[in-house]
Structure formats: structure tokens, C-alpha cells
C-alpha atoms as a PDB file:
ATOM      1  CA  UNK A   1     -29.106 -87.992   5.906  1.00  0.00           C
ATOM      2  CA  UNK A   2     -30.890 -85.056   5.903  1.00  0.00           C
ATOM      3  CA  UNK A   3     -30.942 -81.498   8.078  1.00  0.00           C
ATOM      4  CA  UNK A   4     -33.505 -82.460  10.582  1.00  0.00           C
ATOM      5  CA  UNK A   5     -31.621 -86.028  11.024  1.00  0.00           C
ATOM      6  CA  UNK A   6     -28.424 -84.222  11.632  1.00  0.00           C
ATOM      7  CA  UNK A   7     -29.999 -81.761  14.342  1.00  0.00           C
ATOM      8  CA  UNK A   8     -31.687 -84.294  16.063  1.00  0.00           C
ATOM      9  CA  UNK A   9     -28.611 -86.104  16.761  1.00  0.00           C
ATOM     10  CA  UNK A  10     -26.781 -82.567  17.391  1.00  0.00           C
ATOM     11  CA  UNK A  11     -26.856 -79.394  18.741  1.00  0.00           C
ATOM     12  CA  UNK A  12     -25.763 -76.662  17.144  1.00  0.00           C
ATOM     13  CA  UNK A  13     -22.707 -76.440  19.407  1.00  0.00           C
ATOM     14  CA  UNK A  14     -21.390 -80.135  17.871  1.00  0.00           C
ATOM     15  CA  UNK A  15     -21.892 -79.058  14.132  1.00  0.00           C
ATOM     16  CA  UNK A  16     -19.876 -75.856  14.731  1.00  0.00           C
ATOM     17  CA  UNK A  17     -17.179 -77.766  16.601  1.00  0.00           C
ATOM     18  CA  UNK A  18     -17.047 -80.112  13.748  1.00  0.00           C
ATOM     19  CA  UNK A  19     -17.633 -78.311  10.478  1.00  0.00           C
ATOM     20  CA  UNK A  20     -15.395 -75.044  11.945  1.00  0.00           C
ATOM     21  CA  UNK A  21     -18.361 -72.923  10.895  1.00  0.00           C
ATOM     22  CA  UNK A  22     -19.602 -70.500  13.653  1.00  0.00           C
ATOM     23  CA  UNK A  23     -22.885 -71.071  15.745  1.00  0.00           C
ATOM     24  CA  UNK A  24     -24.405 -67.443  14.484  1.00  0.00           C
ATOM     25  CA  UNK A  25     -23.532 -68.215  10.853  1.00  0.00           C
ATOM     26  CA  UNK A  26     -24.897 -71.913  11.417  1.00  0.00           C
ATOM     27  CA  UNK A  27     -28.266 -70.548  12.809  1.00  0.00           C
ATOM     28  CA  UNK A  28     -28.864 -68.209   9.862  1.00  0.00           C
ATOM     29  CA  UNK A  29     -28.264 -71.489   7.914  1.00  0.00           C
ATOM     30  CA  UNK A  30     -30.733 -73.794   9.149  1.00  0.00           C
ATOM     31  CA  UNK A  31     -33.540 -70.420   9.810  1.00  0.00           C
ATOM     32  CA  UNK A  32     -33.066 -69.552   6.318  1.00  0.00           C
ATOM     33  CA  UNK A  33     -32.044 -66.264   6.562  1.00  0.00           C
ATOM     34  CA  UNK A  34     -29.686 -66.343   3.699  1.00  0.00           C
ATOM     35  CA  UNK A  35     -30.345 -62.368   3.632  1.00  0.00           C
ATOM     36  CA  UNK A  36     -27.318 -62.326   6.646  1.00  0.00           C
ATOM     37  CA  UNK A  37     -25.402 -64.412   4.512  1.00  0.00           C
ATOM     38  CA  UNK A  38     -23.527 -64.173   1.006  1.00  0.00           C
ATOM     39  CA  UNK A  39     -24.232 -66.534  -1.781  1.00  0.00           C
ATOM     40  CA  UNK A  40     -20.625 -67.846  -1.283  1.00  0.00           C
ATOM     41  CA  UNK A  41     -20.614 -68.897   2.583  1.00  0.00           C
ATOM     42  CA  UNK A  42     -24.062 -69.947   2.237  1.00  0.00           C
ATOM     43  CA  UNK A  43     -23.040 -72.683  -0.832  1.00  0.00           C
ATOM     44  CA  UNK A  44     -19.704 -73.453   1.172  1.00  0.00           C
ATOM     45  CA  UNK A  45     -21.582 -74.419   4.668  1.00  0.00           C
ATOM     46  CA  UNK A  46     -23.916 -76.458   2.405  1.00  0.00           C
ATOM     47  CA  UNK A  47     -21.135 -78.497   1.430  1.00  0.00           C
ATOM     48  CA  UNK A  48     -19.464 -79.089   4.338  1.00  0.00           C
ATOM     49  CA  UNK A  49     -22.126 -79.684   6.225  1.00  0.00           C
ATOM     50  CA  UNK A  50     -23.200 -82.769   3.424  1.00  0.00           C
ATOM     51  CA  UNK A  51     -19.554 -83.955   3.424  1.00  0.00           C
ATOM     52  CA  UNK A  52     -18.932 -84.151   7.369  1.00  0.00           C
ATOM     53  CA  UNK A  53     -22.256 -86.141   7.746  1.00  0.00           C
ATOM     54  CA  UNK A  54     -22.571 -87.575   4.703  1.00  0.00           C
ATOM     55  CA  UNK A  55     -26.214 -85.894   4.159  1.00  0.00           C
ATOM     56  CA  UNK A  56     -28.254 -84.721   1.643  1.00  0.00           C
ATOM     57  CA  UNK A  57     -29.081 -81.058   1.121  1.00  0.00           C
ATOM     58  CA  UNK A  58     -30.169 -80.430  -1.928  1.00  0.00           C
ATOM     59  CA  UNK A  59     -33.251 -79.023  -1.041  1.00  0.00           C
ATOM     60  CA  UNK A  60     -31.916 -75.932   1.564  1.00  0.00           C
ATOM     61  CA  UNK A  61     -29.509 -75.539  -1.378  1.00  0.00           C
ATOM     62  CA  UNK A  62     -32.208 -74.921  -4.222  1.00  0.00           C
ATOM     63  CA  UNK A  63     -34.045 -72.565  -1.546  1.00  0.00           C
ATOM     64  CA  UNK A  64     -30.670 -70.378  -1.740  1.00  0.00           C
ATOM     65  CA  UNK A  65     -30.135 -70.492  -5.087  1.00  0.00           C
ATOM     66  CA  UNK A  66     -33.891 -69.148  -5.602  1.00  0.00           C
ATOM     67  CA  UNK A  67     -33.202 -66.343  -3.361  1.00  0.00           C
ATOM     68  CA  UNK A  68     -30.048 -65.103  -4.562  1.00  0.00           C
ATOM     69  CA  UNK A  69     -30.966 -65.537  -8.058  1.00  0.00           C
ATOM     70  CA  UNK A  70     -34.486 -62.986  -7.473  1.00  0.00           C
ATOM     71  CA  UNK A  71     -31.918 -60.689  -5.005  1.00  0.00           C
ATOM     72  CA  UNK A  72     -29.904 -59.890  -7.905  1.00  0.00           C
ATOM     73  CA  UNK A  73     -32.626 -59.208 -10.471  1.00  0.00           C
ATOM     74  CA  UNK A  74     -33.907 -56.904  -8.008  1.00  0.00           C
ATOM     75  CA  UNK A  75     -30.606 -54.904  -7.537  1.00  0.00           C
ATOM     76  CA  UNK A  76     -29.782 -54.978 -11.548  1.00  0.00           C
ATOM     77  CA  UNK A  77     -33.243 -53.057 -12.178  1.00  0.00           C
ATOM     78  CA  UNK A  78     -33.089 -50.775  -9.319  1.00  0.00           C
ATOM     79  CA  UNK A  79     -29.574 -50.041  -9.507  1.00  0.00           C
ATOM     80  CA  UNK A  80     -29.535 -49.114 -13.589  1.00  0.00           C
ATOM     81  CA  UNK A  81     -30.662 -45.748 -14.199  1.00  0.00           C
ATOM     82  CA  UNK A  82     -29.105 -43.786 -11.574  1.00  0.00           C
ATOM     83  CA  UNK A  83     -25.148 -45.109 -12.975  1.00  0.00           C
ATOM     84  CA  UNK A  84     -26.293 -43.810 -17.006  1.00  0.00           C
ATOM     85  CA  UNK A  85     -27.455 -40.788 -15.017  1.00  0.00           C
ATOM     86  CA  UNK A  86     -24.572 -40.458 -13.362  1.00  0.00           C
ATOM     87  CA  UNK A  87     -21.967 -40.931 -16.853  1.00  0.00           C
ATOM     88  CA  UNK A  88     -23.732 -38.371 -18.630  1.00  0.00           C
ATOM     89  CA  UNK A  89     -23.689 -35.875 -15.985  1.00  0.00           C
ATOM     90  CA  UNK A  90     -19.616 -36.157 -15.170  1.00  0.00           C
ATOM     91  CA  UNK A  91     -19.615 -35.644 -19.377  1.00  0.00           C
ATOM     92  CA  UNK A  92     -20.941 -32.571 -19.639  1.00  0.00           C
ATOM     93  CA  UNK A  93     -18.837 -31.145 -17.019  1.00  0.00           C
ATOM     94  CA  UNK A  94     -15.895 -32.709 -18.028  1.00  0.00           C
ATOM     95  CA  UNK A  95     -17.023 -30.853 -21.712  1.00  0.00           C
ATOM     96  CA  UNK A  96     -17.290 -27.784 -20.160  1.00  0.00           C
ATOM     97  CA  UNK A  97     -13.946 -27.796 -18.595  1.00  0.00           C
ATOM     98  CA  UNK A  98     -12.369 -28.261 -21.184  1.00  0.00           C
ATOM     99  CA  UNK A  99     -14.353 -25.903 -23.458  1.00  0.00           C
ATOM    100  CA  UNK A 100     -13.240 -23.230 -20.976  1.00  0.00           C
ATOM    101  CA  UNK A 101      -9.494 -23.903 -20.707  1.00  0.00           C
ATOM    102  CA  UNK A 102      -9.118 -24.291 -24.600  1.00  0.00           C
ATOM    103  CA  UNK A 103     -10.907 -20.259 -24.030  1.00  0.00           C
ATOM    104  CA  UNK A 104      -8.798 -19.303 -21.784  1.00  0.00           C
ATOM    105  CA  UNK A 105      -5.585 -20.884 -23.794  1.00  0.00           C
ATOM    106  CA  UNK A 106      -7.078 -18.948 -27.321  1.00  0.00           C
ATOM    107  CA  UNK A 107      -7.649 -15.470 -25.358  1.00  0.00           C
ATOM    108  CA  UNK A 108      -4.107 -15.343 -23.684  1.00  0.00           C
ATOM    109  CA  UNK A 109      -2.546 -16.966 -27.116  1.00  0.00           C
ATOM    110  CA  UNK A 110      -4.049 -13.313 -28.816  1.00  0.00           C
ATOM    111  CA  UNK A 111      -3.206 -11.041 -26.175  1.00  0.00           C
ATOM    112  CA  UNK A 112      -0.664 -11.889 -24.357  1.00  0.00           C
ATOM    113  CA  UNK A 113       2.285 -12.849 -26.729  1.00  0.00           C
ATOM    114  CA  UNK A 114       4.256 -10.591 -28.581  1.00  0.00           C
ATOM    115  CA  UNK A 115       6.155 -10.618 -31.666  1.00  0.00           C
ATOM    116  CA  UNK A 116       9.137 -12.519 -30.113  1.00  0.00           C
ATOM    117  CA  UNK A 117       7.426 -14.973 -28.379  1.00  0.00           C
ATOM    118  CA  UNK A 118       5.167 -15.922 -31.996  1.00  0.00           C
ATOM    119  CA  UNK A 119       8.592 -16.266 -33.993  1.00  0.00           C
ATOM    120  CA  UNK A 120      10.175 -18.535 -31.404  1.00  0.00           C
ATOM    121  CA  UNK A 121       6.999 -20.479 -31.224  1.00  0.00           C
ATOM    122  CA  UNK A 122       6.331 -20.606 -34.665  1.00  0.00           C
ATOM    123  CA  UNK A 123       9.683 -20.333 -36.629  1.00  0.00           C
ATOM    124  CA  UNK A 124       7.892 -21.512 -39.850  1.00  0.00           C
ATOM    125  CA  UNK A 125       5.562 -18.431 -40.332  1.00  0.00           C
ATOM    126  CA  UNK A 126       6.733 -15.436 -42.925  1.00  0.00           C
ATOM    127  CA  UNK A 127       8.288 -12.646 -41.299  1.00  0.00           C
ATOM    128  CA  UNK A 128       5.981 -10.709 -43.347  1.00  0.00           C
ATOM    129  CA  UNK A 129       2.831 -12.488 -41.883  1.00  0.00           C
ATOM    130  CA  UNK A 130       4.010 -11.261 -38.119  1.00  0.00           C
ATOM    131  CA  UNK A 131       4.344  -8.320 -39.017  1.00  0.00           C
ATOM    132  CA  UNK A 132       0.829  -7.958 -40.280  1.00  0.00           C
ATOM    133  CA  UNK A 133      -0.513  -9.574 -37.553  1.00  0.00           C
ATOM    134  CA  UNK A 134       1.667  -7.359 -34.962  1.00  0.00           C
ATOM    135  CA  UNK A 135       1.518  -3.830 -37.195  1.00  0.00           C
ATOM    136  CA  UNK A 136      -0.810  -2.024 -35.042  1.00  0.00           C
ATOM    137  CA  UNK A 137       1.403  -2.657 -31.856  1.00  0.00           C
ATOM    138  CA  UNK A 138       4.742  -2.807 -34.102  1.00  0.00           C
ATOM    139  CA  UNK A 139       3.381   1.441 -35.248  1.00  0.00           C
ATOM    140  CA  UNK A 140       2.709   2.475 -31.638  1.00  0.00           C
ATOM    141  CA  UNK A 141       6.432   1.504 -30.808  1.00  0.00           C
ATOM    142  CA  UNK A 142       7.636   3.289 -33.375  1.00  0.00           C
ATOM    143  CA  UNK A 143       6.203   6.535 -32.414  1.00  0.00           C
ATOM    144  CA  UNK A 144       7.141   5.965 -29.016  1.00  0.00           C
ATOM    145  CA  UNK A 145      10.906   5.894 -30.510  1.00  0.00           C
ATOM    146  CA  UNK A 146      10.425   8.928 -32.431  1.00  0.00           C
ATOM    147  CA  UNK A 147       9.025  10.749 -29.288  1.00  0.00           C
ATOM    148  CA  UNK A 148      12.074   9.868 -27.157  1.00  0.00           C
ATOM    149  CA  UNK A 149      14.220  10.670 -29.803  1.00  0.00           C
ATOM    150  CA  UNK A 150      12.794  14.667 -30.028  1.00  0.00           C
ATOM    151  CA  UNK A 151      13.317  14.416 -26.638  1.00  0.00           C
ATOM    152  CA  UNK A 152      16.420  13.616 -26.320  1.00  0.00           C
ATOM    153  CA  UNK A 153      17.351  15.643 -28.788  1.00  0.00           C
ATOM    154  CA  UNK A 154      16.021  19.150 -27.327  1.00  0.00           C
ATOM    155  CA  UNK A 155      17.955  17.786 -23.779  1.00  0.00           C
ATOM    156  CA  UNK A 156      20.996  17.510 -25.897  1.00  0.00           C
ATOM    157  CA  UNK A 157      20.582  21.083 -27.471  1.00  0.00           C
ATOM    158  CA  UNK A 158      19.493  22.422 -24.009  1.00  0.00           C
ATOM    159  CA  UNK A 159      22.790  21.281 -22.164  1.00  0.00           C
ATOM    160  CA  UNK A 160      25.204  22.626 -25.061  1.00  0.00           C
ATOM    161  CA  UNK A 161      25.739  26.257 -24.564  1.00  0.00           C
ATOM    162  CA  UNK A 162      25.899  28.587 -27.411  1.00  0.00           C
ATOM    163  CA  UNK A 163      29.219  30.176 -28.145  1.00  0.00           C
ATOM    164  CA  UNK A 164      29.498  32.916 -29.975  1.00  0.00           C
ATOM    165  CA  UNK A 165      31.746  33.803 -32.711  1.00  0.00           C
ATOM    166  CA  UNK A 166      34.204  36.695 -31.966  1.00  0.00           C
ATOM    167  CA  UNK A 167      32.664  39.921 -31.982  1.00  0.00           C
ATOM    168  CA  UNK A 168      34.527  43.272 -33.773  1.00  0.00           C
ATOM    169  CA  UNK A 169      34.487  46.344 -32.271  1.00  0.00           C
ATOM    170  CA  UNK A 170      34.771  49.621 -33.692  1.00  0.00           C
ATOM    171  CA  UNK A 171      36.099  52.861 -31.421  1.00  0.00           C
ATOM    172  CA  UNK A 172      36.430  56.760 -33.202  1.00  0.00           C
ATOM    173  CA  UNK A 173      39.058  58.878 -32.306  1.00  0.00           C
ATOM    174  CA  UNK A 174      38.435  62.638 -32.829  1.00  0.00           C
ATOM    175  CA  UNK A 175      41.669  64.219 -33.737  1.00  0.00           C
ATOM    176  CA  UNK A 176      41.363  67.771 -33.634  1.00  0.00           C
ATOM    177  CA  UNK A 177      43.292  71.182 -34.962  1.00  0.00           C
ATOM    178  CA  UNK A 178      43.283  74.315 -36.206  1.00  0.00           C
ATOM    179  CA  UNK A 179      42.950  73.335 -39.682  1.00  0.00           C
ATOM    180  CA  UNK A 180      40.187  70.391 -39.690  1.00  0.00           C
ATOM    181  CA  UNK A 181      38.926  67.637 -37.977  1.00  0.00           C
ATOM    182  CA  UNK A 182      40.006  64.212 -38.996  1.00  0.00           C
ATOM    183  CA  UNK A 183      38.230  60.587 -37.315  1.00  0.00           C
ATOM    184  CA  UNK A 184      40.289  57.555 -37.029  1.00  0.00           C
ATOM    185  CA  UNK A 185      38.059  53.769 -36.382  1.00  0.00           C
ATOM    186  CA  UNK A 186      40.437  51.259 -35.091  1.00  0.00           C
ATOM    187  CA  UNK A 187      38.993  47.611 -35.394  1.00  0.00           C
ATOM    188  CA  UNK A 188      40.017  45.398 -32.543  1.00  0.00           C
ATOM    189  CA  UNK A 189      38.938  41.906 -32.226  1.00  0.00           C
ATOM    190  CA  UNK A 190      37.133  40.359 -29.142  1.00  0.00           C
ATOM    191  CA  UNK A 191      37.506  37.125 -28.340  1.00  0.00           C
ATOM    192  CA  UNK A 192      35.281  34.893 -25.755  1.00  0.00           C
ATOM    193  CA  UNK A 193      37.230  34.784 -22.541  1.00  0.00           C
ATOM    194  CA  UNK A 194      37.133  31.588 -20.277  1.00  0.00           C
ATOM    195  CA  UNK A 195      34.480  33.728 -17.776  1.00  0.00           C
ATOM    196  CA  UNK A 196      32.250  34.365 -20.855  1.00  0.00           C
ATOM    197  CA  UNK A 197      31.812  30.686 -22.335  1.00  0.00           C
ATOM    198  CA  UNK A 198      29.507  28.669 -20.379  1.00  0.00           C
ATOM    199  CA  UNK A 199      31.156  25.878 -19.155  1.00  0.00           C
ATOM    200  CA  UNK A 200      29.876  22.287 -20.688  1.00  0.00           C
ATOM    201  CA  UNK A 201      28.898  19.310 -17.733  1.00  0.00           C
ATOM    202  CA  UNK A 202      30.886  16.865 -16.396  1.00  0.00           C
ATOM    203  CA  UNK A 203      29.578  13.593 -17.622  1.00  0.00           C
ATOM    204  CA  UNK A 204      30.163  10.860 -15.076  1.00  0.00           C
ATOM    205  CA  UNK A 205      30.142   7.670 -16.483  1.00  0.00           C
ATOM    206  CA  UNK A 206      28.103   4.960 -14.246  1.00  0.00           C
ATOM    207  CA  UNK A 207      29.709   1.961 -12.682  1.00  0.00           C
ATOM    208  CA  UNK A 208      27.758  -1.137 -11.790  1.00  0.00           C
ATOM    209  CA  UNK A 209      28.815  -4.335 -10.512  1.00  0.00           C
ATOM    210  CA  UNK A 210      26.198  -7.129 -10.739  1.00  0.00           C
ATOM    211  CA  UNK A 211      25.838 -10.276  -8.407  1.00  0.00           C
ATOM    212  CA  UNK A 212      24.390 -13.315 -10.613  1.00  0.00           C
ATOM    213  CA  UNK A 213      23.240 -16.356  -8.313  1.00  0.00           C
ATOM    214  CA  UNK A 214      23.439 -19.502  -9.961  1.00  0.00           C
ATOM    215  CA  UNK A 215      20.033 -20.110  -8.487  1.00  0.00           C
ATOM    216  CA  UNK A 216      18.824 -18.274  -5.340  1.00  0.00           C
ATOM    217  CA  UNK A 217      21.523 -16.428  -3.118  1.00  0.00           C
ATOM    218  CA  UNK A 218      20.847 -14.428  -0.281  1.00  0.00           C
ATOM    219  CA  UNK A 219      23.543 -11.745   0.612  1.00  0.00           C
ATOM    220  CA  UNK A 220      23.508  -8.651   3.037  1.00  0.00           C
ATOM    221  CA  UNK A 221      25.518  -5.269   1.861  1.00  0.00           C
ATOM    222  CA  UNK A 222      26.476  -1.977   3.779  1.00  0.00           C
ATOM    223  CA  UNK A 223      27.408   1.320   2.819  1.00  0.00           C
ATOM    224  CA  UNK A 224      30.767   1.813   3.839  1.00  0.00           C
ATOM    225  CA  UNK A 225      30.103   5.932   4.173  1.00  0.00           C
ATOM    226  CA  UNK A 226      26.200   5.653   5.971  1.00  0.00           C
ATOM    227  CA  UNK A 227      26.519   2.220   7.857  1.00  0.00           C
ATOM    228  CA  UNK A 228      23.468   1.632   6.608  1.00  0.00           C
ATOM    229  CA  UNK A 229      22.866  -1.956   5.654  1.00  0.00           C
ATOM    230  CA  UNK A 230      20.303  -4.234   4.066  1.00  0.00           C
ATOM    231  CA  UNK A 231      20.055  -8.012   2.997  1.00  0.00           C
ATOM    232  CA  UNK A 232      18.411  -9.843  -0.297  1.00  0.00           C
ATOM    233  CA  UNK A 233      16.943 -12.899  -1.079  1.00  0.00           C
ATOM    234  CA  UNK A 234      17.566 -12.942  -5.190  1.00  0.00           C
ATOM    235  CA  UNK A 235      17.005 -15.485  -7.847  1.00  0.00           C
ATOM    236  CA  UNK A 236      17.812 -12.093 -10.765  1.00  0.00           C
ATOM    237  CA  UNK A 237      21.029 -10.772 -11.278  1.00  0.00           C
ATOM    238  CA  UNK A 238      21.363  -7.518  -8.583  1.00  0.00           C
ATOM    239  CA  UNK A 239      23.443  -4.310  -9.885  1.00  0.00           C
ATOM    240  CA  UNK A 240      25.505  -1.977  -7.565  1.00  0.00           C
ATOM    241  CA  UNK A 241      26.751   1.401  -8.185  1.00  0.00           C
ATOM    242  CA  UNK A 242      29.795   1.603  -7.581  1.00  0.00           C
ATOM    243  CA  UNK A 243      30.259   5.477  -9.348  1.00  0.00           C
ATOM    244  CA  UNK A 244      30.437   7.222  -5.782  1.00  0.00           C
ATOM    245  CA  UNK A 245      30.104   4.500  -2.833  1.00  0.00           C
ATOM    246  CA  UNK A 246      31.717   1.756  -1.266  1.00  0.00           C
ATOM    247  CA  UNK A 247      30.003  -1.421  -0.517  1.00  0.00           C
ATOM    248  CA  UNK A 248      30.500  -4.397   2.138  1.00  0.00           C
ATOM    249  CA  UNK A 249      29.198  -7.985   1.086  1.00  0.00           C
ATOM    250  CA  UNK A 250      28.520 -10.926   2.606  1.00  0.00           C
ATOM    251  CA  UNK A 251      27.256 -13.758   1.157  1.00  0.00           C
ATOM    252  CA  UNK A 252      25.763 -17.069   1.901  1.00  0.00           C
ATOM    253  CA  UNK A 253      27.507 -20.116   0.932  1.00  0.00           C
ATOM    254  CA  UNK A 254      25.107 -20.778  -2.347  1.00  0.00           C
ATOM    255  CA  UNK A 255      26.833 -20.525  -6.053  1.00  0.00           C
ATOM    256  CA  UNK A 256      26.965 -17.099  -7.509  1.00  0.00           C
ATOM    257  CA  UNK A 257      29.223 -14.722  -9.888  1.00  0.00           C
ATOM    258  CA  UNK A 258      30.187 -11.025  -9.395  1.00  0.00           C
ATOM    259  CA  UNK A 259      29.911  -9.314 -13.226  1.00  0.00           C
ATOM    260  CA  UNK A 260      32.368  -6.140 -13.271  1.00  0.00           C
ATOM    261  CA  UNK A 261      32.763  -4.211 -17.022  1.00  0.00           C
ATOM    262  CA  UNK A 262      33.541  -7.875 -18.428  1.00  0.00           C
ATOM    263  CA  UNK A 263      35.199  -9.520 -16.356  1.00  0.00           C
ATOM    264  CA  UNK A 264      33.303 -12.821 -14.496  1.00  0.00           C
ATOM    265  CA  UNK A 265      34.515 -13.982 -11.724  1.00  0.00           C
ATOM    266  CA  UNK A 266      32.382 -17.307 -10.231  1.00  0.00           C
ATOM    267  CA  UNK A 267      32.040 -18.571  -6.941  1.00  0.00           C
ATOM    268  CA  UNK A 268      30.815 -22.034  -6.077  1.00  0.00           C
ATOM    269  CA  UNK A 269      32.817 -23.826  -3.336  1.00  0.00           C
ATOM    270  CA  UNK A 270      30.215 -23.815  -0.976  1.00  0.00           C
ATOM    271  CA  UNK A 271      31.152 -21.473   1.435  1.00  0.00           C
ATOM    272  CA  UNK A 272      30.444 -17.701   2.693  1.00  0.00           C
ATOM    273  CA  UNK A 273      32.319 -14.875   1.118  1.00  0.00           C
ATOM    274  CA  UNK A 274      33.307 -11.345   2.164  1.00  0.00           C
ATOM    275  CA  UNK A 275      34.066  -8.495  -0.363  1.00  0.00           C
ATOM    276  CA  UNK A 276      34.571  -4.825  -0.445  1.00  0.00           C
ATOM    277  CA  UNK A 277      33.096  -3.765  -3.597  1.00  0.00           C
ATOM    278  CA  UNK A 278      34.203   0.045  -4.986  1.00  0.00           C
ATOM    279  CA  UNK A 279      34.735   2.041  -8.328  1.00  0.00           C
ATOM    280  CA  UNK A 280      38.407   0.401  -7.707  1.00  0.00           C
ATOM    281  CA  UNK A 281      37.217  -2.617  -7.890  1.00  0.00           C
ATOM    282  CA  UNK A 282      36.431  -5.995  -6.048  1.00  0.00           C
ATOM    283  CA  UNK A 283      38.764  -7.135  -3.453  1.00  0.00           C
ATOM    284  CA  UNK A 284      37.792 -10.291  -1.634  1.00  0.00           C
ATOM    285  CA  UNK A 285      37.911 -10.199   2.154  1.00  0.00           C
ATOM    286  CA  UNK A 286      38.034 -12.613   5.626  1.00  0.00           C
ATOM    287  CA  UNK A 287      35.369 -12.824   7.773  1.00  0.00           C
ATOM    288  CA  UNK A 288      37.459 -10.479  10.394  1.00  0.00           C
ATOM    289  CA  UNK A 289      38.812  -8.699   7.548  1.00  0.00           C
ATOM    290  CA  UNK A 290      34.867  -7.852   6.878  1.00  0.00           C
ATOM    291  CA  UNK A 291      34.533  -6.821  10.811  1.00  0.00           C
ATOM    292  CA  UNK A 292      36.771  -4.760  10.874  1.00  0.00           C
ATOM    293  CA  UNK A 293      36.238  -2.374   7.988  1.00  0.00           C
ATOM    294  CA  UNK A 294      32.369  -2.413   9.456  1.00  0.00           C
ATOM    295  CA  UNK A 295      30.550  -5.450   8.678  1.00  0.00           C
ATOM    296  CA  UNK A 296      28.324  -7.708  11.211  1.00  0.00           C
ATOM    297  CA  UNK A 297      29.513 -10.592  12.470  1.00  0.00           C
ATOM    298  CA  UNK A 298      26.253 -12.005  12.770  1.00  0.00           C
ATOM    299  CA  UNK A 299      23.118 -10.656  10.773  1.00  0.00           C
END
């Protein structure tokens, strides 16, 4: 049975119902509009019709094979050149990016790293080589250090007053009588008194307490003398000067430590904390005590 015989005995709708092929696809196949069908579907529809109607559709199968072969050849010729060109362009851009990154890394290494970083990154390099590489910077640092030392010495000399050695005073007394004139000399020591000696300036040692966060910590501080308050969110240590000041401190629940001289106390209980910090030390407070001393109930 040929395709024409099938169409004479059956309508397109009947063929669609029997083969489960949509009427639109059947019409495209029967009209040989292969451009509207994919090759796999076309060959599948032909095989289904042959099976259901015991037909021979080799003629239309050959036409379809020829059409798809020509179409595939046209596509391969048309698409060949642009693909090659696109790959070349992409390779050039990638190469430029890599060269740019290498140039930046070289510049950063030569200009930004100091001797310490070089020692850490290249521990096997001879110390003399590093000294030679960093020679110019080191010489400059030595000159700066000498300048600072001279200035410091000069300032110390200005601060310390000169104390003169005891001086001797000579007084002359003239004694007269009828026979002769007698001159007597009396030598006395003059020792500088408290009033004549300049007092040395009193040096006050600065006392600091450091707030050291584990990662990031919020805290608020209040100057107990002036009532001025401020708050911070830090990830590095923050120093409070307690030489002549007293502070009220409130922290968030993040972990941190308080460092006073060589003593370090850790707080990692996930609670808010309140303190009075002054030259006498660190005093932990309850929130009520903190508010009573002038702290803020809410920041």
C-alpha cells in the first residue's frame, strides 16, 4: 500500500487518531514540508504509518533523507568561519588579562613589600641579600632614628635645670685705730636653697586599659566626669586612658577581653557586660548599678 492509497481510504483526522500523530505534523509530512519537522520526528512518523497500515513509504523516506543531508551541509559551511574567529578573539582577551594580572603582581611585590614581608614569604633567602635589596629604605630609617634620638636628647637637656655648685662669697671688714688699718677677710659658702633651685617637672605615668574583641564588638563609653558618651564597633583592640579619667563601659554579648597592664580577663559567656574602669582598676557592675552611676539604660 502506498501513501496515496492510504489517503484515499482515510482522512487526515482518521490517520491522526490511529497513529497518535497530530494533524499538523501529518499535513507537513504529506506535503513534504520537511523544514517544519525535525529529522528524527519525520523518520519516526514514516515508520509509524508503515507499521499501522502495512505500507511502503520508501519514496518519501528517501526524499526526506536527501533534504536533511543538504540542509546539514549548508549549515556546516555557513557556521564554520565565525566559530573559529570567536575562539581567537576570546583567546586574545584572556591572554591580555593574564599579562595584566602578572604585571600588577610584579609591581606590588617590588614596591609594597618591606623586609619583614620578604623574610616571611622567602625564609630561605640569605639575610645579606634582603639587606642589599632593602638597603636604601634601611639607610633612610637609620637617619630618621638618629634624628629622633638627637631631638629627644635636646628635649631632656632642656627639661633638666642646671644646678650650680656652691659659691664662695668674700666680705671685707675694715678696722681702723690710731696706729694702723687692718683689713680682715671672711669667706662663707653660699649653698643653693630650695627657692633658688628649679624644681624638676613631675612625670605622670600613663595608665591604659585595652578592650580586645575576638572578632567584632560593639561597646559604649561614658566619661563619668563630663557625662559625655560615645559608642564604637571595632575588630581591633581599643585603649581607654585611665590616667586621670573614670569611664562607664557597656558591651554587647560578643566575646572580648579586658587587658590591664599584664593582666588579661576574658568574657565569652554571650552576655552583655557593664564596668567602671579607672586608675584603680576594673569593677564589674550590674545593669542597675551601671544606670545608677550615670549609665544609659538604652543606647
